[in-house]
Amino acid sequence: MRKIQVGNQAVAVDDVGSGPPVVLLHGFGCGKRMWFHQARALRRRFRVISYDLRGHGQTDAPGAATDYSAAHLARDLVGVLDALVIARAAIVGFSLGGGPALALAASRPERVSRLVLADVGAGADDPVKVEGMARRWVGLADRGETDALVCEMLRSELFKIYARSSERRRNHMAALLRATPKNGLRFTLSEVLAKRKSLFRSTGVLQSVQAPTLVLVGQQDYNCTKAARLLADTIPNAALKIIAGSGHMTPLEQPAAFTAALVEFLGDAA
């Protein structure tokens, strides 16, 4: 791990392997550590870059709400590519990471060779529910009720299937959540997730994506099922693959199947 400067942010980056570049963008509360299985497998054929998004892991977590937004995450992605002198890469966005991945593919198509959107758009068909959940979790964070917040998050549709599958997995997910800075949790919830525009109102953006696209979704990720079908039906040259036996956390719940789907789709990622 090293840190690179992106604007006024020190961003923690893992950069391993050699070959065509592939950038892995993690989900909310997870950090780049969630990509352990995929990085280990992909590095044999690709240059694999993963980094902690703003407010996560070892990347800076600004103390002001105004330093968090979907636009900030998208600019950070461009900044990481520029700092690493990567003109064009395959981009894999999981959950929260799907936002900046999609934004880059739509706004800078020349920089994206292939696009993977995995378990993206949770609750996009019911934004009021997502906003309510975000407000409730922000309230727990503001009151310093970390244990209660982690427990509630582990019971949520996002994490519960992974957390309930074994004690080891529950402890792993809890450790990832606890490693996320308080500011990062609070402001990613309030300024990114609670304010994101629904995919169902973004069909113009989806139709503008030029990169070959793979949409992945867990068979039991009911929060993302409708959004996944929207992505696959609306993005030109997109394909949908359902990961059997998985909920929302597909890279962790079914790492072998998830990684195999990536390898098959990426090809030479040229």
Protein backbone atom coordinates (compact mmCIF):
# COMPACT_ATOMS: atom_id res chain seq x y z
CA MET A 1 0.00 0.00 0.00
CA ARG A 2 1.11 3.52 -0.75
CA LYS A 3 -0.51 6.91 -0.67
CA ILE A 4 -0.82 9.23 -3.62
CA GLN A 5 -1.97 12.83 -3.66
CA VAL A 6 -5.23 13.47 -5.49
CA GLY A 7 -6.20 17.10 -5.17
CA ASN A 8 -6.20 17.79 -1.44
CA GLN A 9 -6.69 14.11 -0.61
CA ALA A 10 -4.09 11.52 0.36
CA VAL A 11 -5.47 8.34 -1.22
CA ALA A 12 -4.39 4.85 -0.11
CA VAL A 13 -3.72 2.69 -3.17
CA ASP A 14 -2.75 -0.94 -3.84
CA ASP A 15 -1.12 -1.42 -7.24
CA VAL A 16 -0.09 -4.99 -8.02
CA GLY A 17 0.61 -7.20 -11.02
CA SER A 18 1.37 -6.26 -14.60
CA GLY A 19 -0.59 -6.14 -17.81
CA PRO A 20 -3.67 -4.18 -18.85
CA PRO A 21 -4.91 -2.04 -15.93
CA VAL A 22 -8.04 -2.98 -13.99
CA VAL A 23 -9.39 -0.65 -11.30
CA LEU A 24 -11.52 -2.10 -8.48
CA LEU A 25 -13.89 0.29 -6.66
CA HIS A 26 -15.25 -1.00 -3.35
CA GLY A 27 -18.63 -0.67 -1.69
CA PHE A 28 -19.86 1.46 1.21
CA GLY A 29 -18.13 0.74 4.49
CA CYS A 30 -15.82 -1.86 2.95
CA GLY A 31 -12.53 -0.32 1.83
CA LYS A 32 -10.12 -1.78 -0.68
CA ARG A 33 -9.44 -4.74 1.62
CA MET A 34 -12.66 -6.33 0.36
CA TRP A 35 -10.91 -7.10 -2.96
CA PHE A 36 -8.41 -9.58 -1.49
CA HIS A 37 -9.67 -12.59 -3.46
CA GLN A 38 -10.02 -10.73 -6.77
CA ALA A 39 -6.65 -8.94 -6.56
CA ARG A 40 -4.83 -12.19 -5.82
CA ALA A 41 -6.35 -13.89 -8.86
CA LEU A 42 -6.33 -11.00 -11.34
CA ARG A 43 -2.74 -9.92 -10.71
CA ARG A 44 -1.52 -12.91 -12.70
CA ARG A 45 -2.84 -11.32 -15.89
CA PHE A 46 -3.53 -7.68 -15.11
CA ARG A 47 -2.22 -4.62 -13.34
CA VAL A 48 -4.74 -4.43 -10.50
CA ILE A 49 -5.39 -1.09 -8.82
CA SER A 50 -7.65 -0.77 -5.80
CA TYR A 51 -7.94 2.22 -3.51
CA ASP A 52 -9.85 3.37 -0.47
CA LEU A 53 -12.55 5.77 -1.56
CA ARG A 54 -12.76 9.16 0.11
CA GLY A 55 -13.75 8.69 3.76
CA HIS A 56 -12.86 5.00 3.80
CA GLY A 57 -9.97 2.91 5.07
CA GLN A 58 -6.66 4.76 5.06
CA THR A 59 -7.65 7.48 2.60
CA ASP A 60 -8.33 10.91 4.10
CA ALA A 61 -11.76 11.41 5.66
CA PRO A 62 -12.55 15.15 5.49
CA GLY A 63 -14.47 16.61 8.40
CA ALA A 64 -16.92 18.69 6.36
CA ALA A 65 -20.05 17.47 4.62
CA THR A 66 -19.27 19.72 1.66
CA ASP A 67 -16.26 17.51 0.86
CA TYR A 68 -18.48 14.54 0.04
CA SER A 69 -20.69 13.96 -2.99
CA ALA A 70 -21.06 11.65 -5.97
CA ALA A 71 -19.11 14.25 -7.98
CA HIS A 72 -16.22 14.12 -5.49
CA LEU A 73 -15.98 10.34 -5.89
CA ALA A 74 -16.01 10.63 -9.68
CA ARG A 75 -13.27 13.29 -9.67
CA ASP A 76 -11.20 11.19 -7.28
CA LEU A 77 -11.29 8.28 -9.74
CA VAL A 78 -10.00 10.49 -12.54
CA GLY A 79 -7.34 11.84 -10.20
CA VAL A 80 -6.14 8.35 -9.28
CA LEU A 81 -5.87 7.37 -12.95
CA ASP A 82 -3.96 10.56 -13.73
CA ALA A 83 -1.61 10.16 -10.76
CA LEU A 84 -0.80 6.60 -11.85
CA VAL A 85 -0.45 7.69 -15.50
CA ILE A 86 -3.19 5.34 -16.69
CA ALA A 87 -4.86 6.63 -19.83
CA ARG A 88 -7.38 3.80 -20.18
CA ALA A 89 -8.49 0.98 -17.89
CA ALA A 90 -11.17 -1.57 -17.21
CA ILE A 91 -13.28 -0.28 -14.32
CA VAL A 92 -15.05 -2.56 -11.84
CA GLY A 93 -17.51 -0.76 -9.58
CA PHE A 94 -19.19 -2.64 -6.75
CA SER A 95 -22.22 -1.11 -4.98
CA LEU A 96 -21.13 2.43 -3.95
CA GLY A 97 -18.19 2.12 -6.35
CA GLY A 98 -20.60 1.76 -9.23
CA GLY A 99 -21.38 5.49 -9.07
CA PRO A 100 -17.92 6.80 -10.00
CA ALA A 101 -17.40 3.88 -12.40
CA LEU A 102 -20.57 4.74 -14.31
CA ALA A 103 -19.83 8.47 -14.20
CA LEU A 104 -16.39 7.94 -15.77
CA ALA A 105 -17.73 5.63 -18.46
CA ALA A 106 -20.42 8.15 -19.39
CA SER A 107 -18.32 11.33 -19.27
CA ARG A 108 -14.89 10.07 -20.40
CA PRO A 109 -15.55 7.06 -22.60
CA GLU A 110 -12.01 7.11 -23.99
CA ARG A 111 -10.70 6.19 -20.53
CA VAL A 112 -12.79 3.04 -20.02
CA SER A 113 -11.98 -0.13 -21.96
CA ARG A 114 -14.56 -2.27 -20.19
CA LEU A 115 -17.07 -1.61 -17.43
CA VAL A 116 -18.33 -3.93 -14.71
CA LEU A 117 -21.21 -2.84 -12.48
CA ALA A 118 -21.73 -5.28 -9.62
CA ASP A 119 -24.69 -5.08 -7.24
CA VAL A 120 -25.20 -1.43 -8.15
CA GLY A 121 -28.28 0.67 -7.45
CA ALA A 122 -29.50 -0.79 -4.15
CA GLY A 123 -32.93 0.65 -3.46
CA ALA A 124 -32.94 2.76 -6.63
CA ASP A 125 -36.59 1.84 -7.14
CA ASP A 126 -37.44 3.08 -3.60
CA PRO A 127 -35.28 6.14 -2.84
CA VAL A 128 -37.42 7.17 0.13
CA LYS A 129 -36.51 3.93 1.90
CA VAL A 130 -32.80 4.52 1.23
CA GLU A 131 -33.01 8.09 2.53
CA GLY A 132 -34.73 6.90 5.71
CA MET A 133 -32.10 4.24 6.31
CA ALA A 134 -29.31 6.77 5.75
CA ARG A 135 -30.85 9.24 8.22
CA ARG A 136 -31.23 6.54 10.86
CA TRP A 137 -27.64 5.38 10.49
CA VAL A 138 -26.33 8.96 10.50
CA GLY A 139 -28.19 9.53 13.76
CA LEU A 140 -26.47 6.55 15.37
CA ALA A 141 -23.08 7.77 14.13
CA ASP A 142 -23.70 11.30 15.38
CA ARG A 143 -24.56 9.98 18.83
CA GLY A 144 -21.40 7.87 18.91
CA GLU A 145 -23.39 4.64 19.13
CA THR A 146 -20.86 2.67 17.08
CA ASP A 147 -21.81 -0.78 18.37
CA ALA A 148 -25.48 -0.17 17.65
CA LEU A 149 -24.66 1.22 14.21
CA VAL A 150 -22.53 -1.77 13.23
CA CYS A 151 -25.17 -4.21 14.49
CA GLU A 152 -27.91 -2.47 12.54
CA MET A 153 -25.80 -2.38 9.40
CA LEU A 154 -25.07 -6.09 9.69
CA ARG A 155 -28.82 -6.73 9.88
CA SER A 156 -29.50 -4.65 6.77
CA GLU A 157 -30.23 -6.06 3.33
CA LEU A 158 -26.77 -4.96 2.22
CA PHE A 159 -24.75 -7.09 4.60
CA LYS A 160 -27.01 -9.60 6.34
CA ILE A 161 -26.62 -12.63 4.07
CA TYR A 162 -22.83 -12.43 4.22
CA ALA A 163 -22.83 -11.68 7.96
CA ARG A 164 -25.19 -14.54 8.78
CA SER A 165 -23.36 -17.17 6.76
CA SER A 166 -20.71 -17.77 9.45
CA GLU A 167 -19.24 -16.20 12.56
CA ARG A 168 -15.97 -15.61 10.72
CA ARG A 169 -17.73 -13.72 7.96
CA ARG A 170 -19.78 -11.70 10.45
CA ASN A 171 -16.59 -10.70 12.26
CA HIS A 172 -14.90 -9.85 8.96
CA MET A 173 -17.74 -7.58 7.84
CA ALA A 174 -17.89 -5.92 11.25
CA ALA A 175 -14.14 -5.28 11.09
CA LEU A 176 -14.47 -3.64 7.68
CA LEU A 177 -17.26 -1.38 8.92
CA ARG A 178 -15.39 -0.45 12.09
CA ALA A 179 -12.30 0.43 10.04
CA THR A 180 -14.28 3.10 8.19
CA PRO A 181 -13.69 6.55 9.74
CA LYS A 182 -16.70 8.08 11.47
CA ASN A 183 -16.67 11.10 9.18
CA GLY A 184 -16.57 8.82 6.18
CA LEU A 185 -19.59 6.82 7.33
CA ARG A 186 -21.63 9.90 8.28
CA PHE A 187 -20.99 11.99 5.21
CA THR A 188 -21.00 9.20 2.64
CA LEU A 189 -24.42 8.28 3.97
CA SER A 190 -25.83 11.80 4.15
CA GLU A 191 -24.18 13.41 1.13
CA VAL A 192 -23.73 10.54 -1.33
CA LEU A 193 -26.18 7.71 -0.68
CA ALA A 194 -29.10 9.79 0.62
CA LYS A 195 -28.76 12.31 -2.23
CA ARG A 196 -27.97 10.10 -5.19
CA LYS A 197 -30.14 10.35 -8.26
CA SER A 198 -32.14 7.22 -8.96
CA LEU A 199 -30.90 5.11 -11.86
CA PHE A 200 -34.49 5.03 -13.06
CA ARG A 201 -34.21 8.78 -13.72
CA SER A 202 -30.79 8.46 -15.39
CA THR A 203 -31.58 6.56 -18.58
CA GLY A 204 -29.86 9.21 -20.70
CA VAL A 205 -26.61 8.67 -18.85
CA LEU A 206 -26.94 4.90 -19.13
CA GLN A 207 -27.61 5.07 -22.86
CA SER A 208 -24.46 7.15 -23.37
CA VAL A 209 -22.11 4.43 -22.09
CA GLN A 210 -19.96 3.12 -24.92
CA ALA A 211 -17.78 0.53 -23.17
CA PRO A 212 -18.71 -3.14 -23.26
CA THR A 213 -20.46 -3.63 -19.92
CA LEU A 214 -21.06 -6.56 -17.61
CA VAL A 215 -23.79 -6.20 -14.99
CA LEU A 216 -23.37 -8.61 -12.08
CA VAL A 217 -25.90 -9.18 -9.32
CA GLY A 218 -26.35 -11.70 -6.56
CA GLN A 219 -29.28 -14.06 -6.98
CA GLN A 220 -30.59 -13.01 -3.56
CA ASP A 221 -29.65 -9.33 -3.82
CA TYR A 222 -33.28 -8.28 -4.00
CA ASN A 223 -32.40 -4.61 -3.38
CA CYS A 224 -30.49 -4.52 -6.67
CA THR A 225 -32.51 -6.89 -8.88
CA LYS A 226 -34.60 -4.23 -10.61
CA ALA A 227 -31.65 -1.86 -10.95
CA ALA A 228 -29.49 -4.61 -12.46
CA ARG A 229 -32.09 -5.38 -15.09
CA LEU A 230 -32.45 -1.65 -15.86
CA LEU A 231 -28.68 -1.34 -16.32
CA ALA A 232 -28.49 -4.39 -18.57
CA ASP A 233 -31.51 -3.34 -20.65
CA THR A 234 -30.51 0.32 -21.05
CA ILE A 235 -26.72 0.38 -21.44
CA PRO A 236 -25.79 -0.48 -25.03
CA ASN A 237 -23.68 -3.63 -25.38
CA ALA A 238 -24.40 -4.73 -21.81
CA ALA A 239 -24.87 -8.26 -20.51
CA LEU A 240 -26.40 -9.43 -17.24
CA LYS A 241 -24.97 -12.27 -15.16
CA ILE A 242 -26.60 -13.49 -11.95
CA ILE A 243 -24.30 -14.95 -9.30
CA ALA A 244 -26.03 -17.96 -7.77
CA GLY A 245 -26.17 -18.36 -4.01
CA SER A 246 -25.22 -14.77 -3.26
CA GLY A 247 -26.79 -11.74 -1.68
CA HIS A 248 -25.48 -8.20 -2.04
CA MET A 249 -21.82 -8.85 -1.14
CA THR A 250 -21.03 -11.00 -4.17
CA PRO A 251 -17.22 -10.46 -4.25
CA LEU A 252 -17.04 -11.80 -0.68
CA GLU A 253 -19.93 -14.27 -0.63
CA GLN A 254 -19.06 -16.03 -3.88
CA PRO A 255 -15.47 -14.94 -4.62
CA ALA A 256 -14.66 -17.75 -7.05
CA ALA A 257 -17.77 -17.25 -9.19
CA PHE A 258 -17.40 -13.46 -9.08
CA THR A 259 -13.74 -13.59 -10.10
CA ALA A 260 -14.39 -16.10 -12.85
CA ALA A 261 -17.03 -13.81 -14.32
CA LEU A 262 -14.55 -10.92 -14.26
CA VAL A 263 -11.76 -12.91 -15.93
CA GLU A 264 -14.08 -14.18 -18.67
CA PHE A 265 -15.46 -10.71 -19.39
CA LEU A 266 -12.19 -8.77 -19.18
CA GLY A 267 -10.37 -10.95 -21.69
CA ASP A 268 -7.25 -8.98 -22.55
CA ALA A 269 -8.94 -5.70 -21.38
CA ALA A 270 -7.31 -3.87 -24.28
